[in-house]
């Protein structure tokens, strides 16, 4: 078992890398979800317990490149997919629903996730940022499909979740389009000072992902329903994994964890522990998984 210090040292030694490249043996396919074709990657023994990793707004499956070999080596079948309207799933969207809808909404993302879980059986699920909200809604709808839930850098709030964001919360009441524009501006101009290989990939991905979809998702995050009591009532292991410099203050994550019955793991990093603290994150996820057995 990797020690705490060993995991930290491994994370501190991470090099810059090409974020397009998954480990050897990774399988690629397109999953036919209710909203259309979702680009998916999978690694590990197909008979092993599943781990499903769901990226957030403006993200993609590549956000989990560093988690893939660690989870597969630990004996799990790990998979991730691009959510509708994003990167290699850019053509999936509300126009493919029956009947078609005009905008991306919570049911679209939840139904896509449920379809993926139904196709392969119950899984340990991680939701990153916006996808944390999606995974919680999916858990409430279909608790039988979840072995555990990890919320990584997910909003610890309901309603207009950006009000709780550090520094910009008091000025975050604006149109979804304008708010999305500010978020994208910060990403493009690398305000988080991510390494060259990472920011190059992120800018490439933003050039593909649909702006209308991002506007819709930001609008959803400004009107998040309160499902915390329902999540709290489902007795599966839960983990909130966040960086010390996350968008939302640590006190809010701690309070939300207490509310839903989750443990908390905090790392000396920012909004993306999957990029900067993968060994520590996987260490804590494996401990969570053990509690589900």
Protein backbone atom coordinates (compact mmCIF):
# COMPACT_ATOMS: atom_id res chain seq x y z
CA UNK A 1 0.00 0.00 0.00
CA UNK A 2 1.31 3.43 -0.94
CA UNK A 3 2.09 5.49 2.16
CA UNK A 4 0.86 9.03 2.63
CA UNK A 5 4.35 10.45 2.19
CA UNK A 6 5.02 8.22 -0.81
CA UNK A 7 1.83 9.41 -2.56
CA UNK A 8 2.70 13.03 -1.88
CA UNK A 9 6.24 12.58 -3.17
CA UNK A 10 4.98 10.88 -6.33
CA UNK A 11 2.57 13.73 -6.96
CA UNK A 12 5.25 16.35 -6.41
CA UNK A 13 7.44 14.60 -8.98
CA UNK A 14 4.83 14.56 -11.76
CA UNK A 15 6.21 15.82 -15.10
CA UNK A 16 4.40 17.83 -17.73
CA UNK A 17 2.89 15.44 -20.28
CA UNK A 18 0.86 14.99 -23.42
CA UNK A 19 -2.73 14.85 -22.14
CA UNK A 20 -4.00 13.14 -25.28
CA UNK A 21 -2.20 9.89 -24.39
CA UNK A 22 -3.87 7.22 -22.27
CA UNK A 23 -1.98 4.14 -20.99
CA UNK A 24 -1.30 1.21 -23.30
CA UNK A 25 -4.26 -1.13 -23.40
CA UNK A 26 -6.87 1.62 -23.07
CA UNK A 27 -9.96 0.85 -25.16
CA UNK A 28 -11.84 3.56 -27.02
CA UNK A 29 -15.44 3.42 -28.17
CA UNK A 30 -18.58 5.53 -28.57
CA UNK A 31 -21.41 4.80 -26.17
CA UNK A 32 -24.89 5.33 -27.56
CA UNK A 33 -26.56 7.38 -24.85
CA UNK A 34 -29.98 9.06 -24.94
CA UNK A 35 -28.38 12.35 -26.03
CA UNK A 36 -26.22 10.75 -28.74
CA UNK A 37 -22.75 9.25 -29.08
CA UNK A 38 -20.46 9.75 -26.08
CA UNK A 39 -16.72 9.22 -26.58
CA UNK A 40 -15.51 6.79 -23.92
CA UNK A 41 -12.22 5.23 -22.78
CA UNK A 42 -11.82 2.11 -20.60
CA UNK A 43 -8.89 0.26 -19.04
CA UNK A 44 -8.53 -2.85 -16.91
CA UNK A 45 -10.06 -6.30 -16.58
CA UNK A 46 -13.66 -6.20 -17.88
CA UNK A 47 -14.65 -8.53 -15.04
CA UNK A 48 -13.17 -6.27 -12.34
CA UNK A 49 -15.23 -3.83 -10.23
CA UNK A 50 -16.05 -0.68 -12.19
CA UNK A 51 -14.97 2.89 -11.55
CA UNK A 52 -16.71 5.55 -13.66
CA UNK A 53 -15.12 9.02 -13.80
CA UNK A 54 -17.29 11.91 -15.03
CA UNK A 55 -15.69 15.23 -16.10
CA UNK A 56 -17.17 18.64 -15.51
CA UNK A 57 -18.01 21.70 -17.58
CA UNK A 58 -15.42 22.46 -20.28
CA UNK A 59 -13.65 19.21 -19.30
CA UNK A 60 -13.18 15.80 -20.89
CA UNK A 61 -12.17 12.21 -20.17
CA UNK A 62 -8.52 13.25 -20.54
CA UNK A 63 -8.72 15.00 -17.18
CA UNK A 64 -8.35 11.52 -15.67
CA UNK A 65 -5.33 10.29 -17.65
CA UNK A 66 -3.21 10.07 -14.49
CA UNK A 67 -5.86 8.13 -12.57
CA UNK A 68 -6.29 5.41 -15.20
CA UNK A 69 -3.11 3.37 -14.64
CA UNK A 70 -3.35 3.71 -10.86
CA UNK A 71 -6.92 2.44 -10.62
CA UNK A 72 -6.36 -0.33 -13.17
CA UNK A 73 -3.23 -1.48 -11.33
CA UNK A 74 -5.30 -1.64 -8.13
CA UNK A 75 -7.63 -4.17 -9.77
CA UNK A 76 -10.44 -2.00 -11.11
CA UNK A 77 -12.06 -1.52 -14.50
CA UNK A 78 -11.82 2.25 -14.94
CA UNK A 79 -13.71 4.29 -17.52
CA UNK A 80 -14.43 7.88 -18.39
CA UNK A 81 -16.42 9.65 -21.07
CA UNK A 82 -16.90 13.10 -22.55
CA UNK A 83 -20.26 14.46 -21.43
CA UNK A 84 -22.69 15.63 -24.10
CA UNK A 85 -21.69 18.78 -25.98
CA UNK A 86 -18.05 18.50 -24.93
CA UNK A 87 -14.86 17.66 -26.86
CA UNK A 88 -15.28 14.32 -28.68
CA UNK A 89 -18.95 14.13 -27.64
CA UNK A 90 -19.65 17.58 -29.05
CA UNK A 91 -22.40 16.31 -31.37
CA UNK A 92 -24.41 14.75 -28.53
CA UNK A 93 -27.12 17.00 -27.19
CA UNK A 94 -30.79 17.78 -26.62
CA UNK A 95 -31.58 17.64 -30.33
CA UNK A 96 -31.21 13.83 -30.18
CA UNK A 97 -33.66 13.30 -27.32
CA UNK A 98 -37.14 11.91 -27.84
CA UNK A 99 -38.82 14.34 -28.11
CA UNK A 100 -36.01 16.77 -28.95
CA UNK A 101 -35.33 19.65 -26.56
CA UNK A 102 -33.68 23.01 -27.15
CA UNK A 103 -31.27 23.19 -24.22
CA UNK A 104 -28.94 21.04 -22.16
CA UNK A 105 -30.51 20.33 -18.77
CA UNK A 106 -29.88 18.22 -15.69
CA UNK A 107 -32.08 15.30 -16.87
CA UNK A 108 -30.02 15.02 -20.08
CA UNK A 109 -26.72 14.58 -18.24
CA UNK A 110 -28.28 12.39 -15.53
CA UNK A 111 -30.00 10.09 -18.02
CA UNK A 112 -26.76 9.69 -20.00
CA UNK A 113 -24.88 8.69 -16.84
CA UNK A 114 -27.61 6.27 -15.78
CA UNK A 115 -27.50 4.66 -19.23
CA UNK A 116 -23.74 4.13 -18.92
CA UNK A 117 -24.12 2.64 -15.45
CA UNK A 118 -26.99 0.38 -16.52
CA UNK A 119 -24.94 -0.94 -19.44
CA UNK A 120 -22.09 -2.16 -17.24
CA UNK A 121 -23.54 -2.63 -13.80
CA UNK A 122 -23.08 -0.83 -10.46
CA UNK A 123 -19.91 1.23 -10.12
CA UNK A 124 -17.85 3.45 -7.90
CA UNK A 125 -18.55 6.89 -9.39
CA UNK A 126 -16.53 10.11 -9.28
CA UNK A 127 -18.09 13.40 -10.35
CA UNK A 128 -15.75 16.32 -11.05
CA UNK A 129 -17.04 19.86 -10.35
CA UNK A 130 -20.35 20.27 -12.27
CA UNK A 131 -20.46 16.49 -12.74
CA UNK A 132 -20.56 16.16 -8.96
CA UNK A 133 -24.06 17.67 -9.12
CA UNK A 134 -24.98 15.29 -11.94
CA UNK A 135 -23.72 12.24 -10.05
CA UNK A 136 -25.65 13.24 -6.92
CA UNK A 137 -28.85 13.54 -8.93
CA UNK A 138 -28.17 10.17 -10.57
CA UNK A 139 -27.53 8.63 -7.15
CA UNK A 140 -30.89 9.89 -5.89
CA UNK A 141 -32.64 8.53 -8.99
CA UNK A 142 -30.84 5.15 -9.09
CA UNK A 143 -28.99 4.32 -5.86
CA UNK A 144 -28.81 0.68 -6.97
CA UNK A 145 -26.22 1.66 -9.59
CA UNK A 146 -23.72 3.18 -7.12
CA UNK A 147 -21.17 1.35 -4.96
CA UNK A 148 -19.65 4.61 -3.69
CA UNK A 149 -19.62 8.30 -4.60
CA UNK A 150 -16.63 10.63 -4.81
CA UNK A 151 -17.32 14.34 -5.27
CA UNK A 152 -14.13 15.96 -6.52
CA UNK A 153 -14.10 19.77 -6.33
CA UNK A 154 -17.89 19.73 -6.67
CA UNK A 155 -19.98 22.73 -5.62
CA UNK A 156 -20.87 22.26 -1.92
CA UNK A 157 -24.06 24.25 -2.42
CA UNK A 158 -27.44 24.47 -4.09
CA UNK A 159 -29.21 27.29 -5.89
CA UNK A 160 -26.77 29.76 -7.43
CA UNK A 161 -23.61 27.85 -6.52
CA UNK A 162 -21.20 30.53 -7.76
CA UNK A 163 -22.23 32.82 -4.90
CA UNK A 164 -20.00 30.72 -2.65
CA UNK A 165 -16.92 30.91 -4.88
CA UNK A 166 -13.95 32.66 -3.31
CA UNK A 167 -13.42 36.31 -4.26
CA UNK A 168 -15.97 36.49 -7.12
CA UNK A 169 -19.02 35.22 -5.22
CA UNK A 170 -20.46 38.68 -4.45
CA UNK A 171 -20.35 39.68 -8.14
CA UNK A 172 -21.44 36.33 -9.63
CA UNK A 173 -25.11 37.21 -10.15
CA UNK A 174 -25.01 37.80 -13.89
CA UNK A 175 -26.33 36.14 -17.03
CA UNK A 176 -25.15 32.56 -17.67
CA UNK A 177 -23.58 33.66 -20.95
CA UNK A 178 -21.53 36.37 -19.28
CA UNK A 179 -20.54 34.11 -16.39
CA UNK A 180 -19.48 31.37 -18.82
CA UNK A 181 -17.44 33.93 -20.73
CA UNK A 182 -15.54 34.89 -17.58
CA UNK A 183 -14.86 31.24 -16.77
CA UNK A 184 -13.59 30.55 -20.29
CA UNK A 185 -11.46 33.68 -20.24
CA UNK A 186 -9.75 32.50 -17.06
CA UNK A 187 -9.13 29.07 -18.55
CA UNK A 188 -7.77 30.34 -21.86
CA UNK A 189 -5.43 32.81 -20.19
CA UNK A 190 -4.21 30.15 -17.78
CA UNK A 191 -4.88 32.05 -14.58
CA UNK A 192 -4.16 28.85 -12.66
CA UNK A 193 -0.68 28.66 -14.25
CA UNK A 194 -0.95 25.07 -15.42
CA UNK A 195 2.06 23.53 -17.24
CA UNK A 196 2.56 24.09 -20.98
CA UNK A 197 1.44 20.63 -22.06
CA UNK A 198 -1.74 20.89 -20.04
CA UNK A 199 -2.77 24.37 -21.13
CA UNK A 200 -2.09 23.50 -24.78
CA UNK A 201 -4.51 20.58 -24.53
CA UNK A 202 -7.09 22.63 -22.65
CA UNK A 203 -7.06 25.37 -25.29
CA UNK A 204 -7.39 22.78 -28.05
CA UNK A 205 -10.38 21.22 -26.26
CA UNK A 206 -12.07 24.58 -25.78
CA UNK A 207 -11.82 25.15 -29.51
CA UNK A 208 -14.04 22.10 -30.05
CA UNK A 209 -16.52 22.21 -27.17
CA UNK A 210 -19.75 24.05 -27.96
CA UNK A 211 -20.17 27.47 -26.34
CA UNK A 212 -23.97 27.08 -26.19
CA UNK A 213 -23.51 23.94 -24.11
CA UNK A 214 -21.18 25.69 -21.67
CA UNK A 215 -23.64 28.57 -21.33
CA UNK A 216 -26.42 26.08 -20.56
CA UNK A 217 -24.33 24.22 -17.97
CA UNK A 218 -23.34 27.43 -16.21
CA UNK A 219 -27.03 28.35 -16.15
CA UNK A 220 -27.82 24.97 -14.57
CA UNK A 221 -25.22 25.62 -11.88
CA UNK A 222 -26.99 28.88 -11.12
CA UNK A 223 -30.23 27.01 -10.40
CA UNK A 224 -29.14 23.78 -8.71
CA UNK A 225 -31.94 21.95 -6.88
CA UNK A 226 -31.47 21.01 -3.23
CA UNK A 227 -31.02 17.23 -3.15
CA UNK A 228 -28.68 17.05 -0.15
CA UNK A 229 -31.19 15.40 2.19
CA UNK A 230 -31.87 12.70 -0.40
CA UNK A 231 -28.13 12.11 -0.90
CA UNK A 232 -27.63 11.95 2.87
CA UNK A 233 -30.32 9.29 3.15
CA UNK A 234 -28.52 6.88 0.80
CA UNK A 235 -26.10 4.81 2.82
CA UNK A 236 -23.12 4.25 0.57
CA UNK A 237 -19.55 5.40 1.23
CA UNK A 238 -19.06 9.02 0.14
CA UNK A 239 -15.91 11.11 -0.23
CA UNK A 240 -15.42 14.81 -0.87
CA UNK A 241 -11.96 15.31 -2.40
CA UNK A 242 -10.78 18.92 -2.77
CA UNK A 243 -7.72 21.09 -2.99
CA UNK A 244 -6.83 23.64 -0.34
CA UNK A 245 -7.14 26.29 -3.05
CA UNK A 246 -10.41 25.08 -4.54
CA UNK A 247 -12.96 27.54 -5.92
CA UNK A 248 -15.20 27.03 -2.88
CA UNK A 249 -13.89 27.58 0.67
CA UNK A 250 -12.88 24.56 2.72
CA UNK A 251 -15.46 25.40 5.38
CA UNK A 252 -18.25 24.98 2.84
CA UNK A 253 -16.92 21.59 1.72
CA UNK A 254 -16.63 20.48 5.35
CA UNK A 255 -20.17 21.59 6.12
CA UNK A 256 -21.56 19.85 3.04
CA UNK A 257 -19.69 16.66 3.91
CA UNK A 258 -21.27 16.69 7.36
CA UNK A 259 -24.67 17.26 5.79
CA UNK A 260 -24.51 14.28 3.40
CA UNK A 261 -22.45 11.92 5.54
CA UNK A 262 -19.18 12.05 3.58
CA UNK A 263 -15.57 11.97 4.66
CA UNK A 264 -13.26 14.74 3.41
CA UNK A 265 -9.81 14.51 1.84
CA UNK A 266 -7.95 17.78 1.27
CA UNK A 267 -4.80 18.20 -0.81
CA UNK A 268 -2.26 21.01 -1.15
CA UNK A 269 -3.51 21.88 -4.63
CA UNK A 270 -6.29 23.67 -6.47
CA UNK A 271 -9.51 22.75 -8.30
CA UNK A 272 -8.07 19.70 -10.09
CA UNK A 273 -6.66 17.04 -7.71
CA UNK A 274 -6.92 14.50 -10.56
CA UNK A 275 -4.17 16.47 -12.34
CA UNK A 276 -1.94 17.49 -9.47
CA UNK A 277 -2.57 14.95 -6.68
CA UNK A 278 -3.55 11.72 -8.48
CA UNK A 279 -1.64 9.34 -6.20
CA UNK A 280 -3.14 10.87 -3.07
CA UNK A 281 -6.59 10.94 -4.62
CA UNK A 282 -6.46 7.29 -5.70
CA UNK A 283 -5.12 6.29 -2.29
CA UNK A 284 -8.17 7.86 -0.67
CA UNK A 285 -10.58 6.48 -3.26
CA UNK A 286 -9.27 2.95 -2.68
CA UNK A 287 -9.91 3.35 1.03
CA UNK A 288 -13.45 4.45 0.20
CA UNK A 289 -13.96 1.48 -2.11
CA UNK A 290 -12.86 -0.89 0.63
CA UNK A 291 -15.68 0.41 2.81
CA UNK A 292 -18.20 -0.52 0.11
CA UNK A 293 -17.24 -4.20 0.07
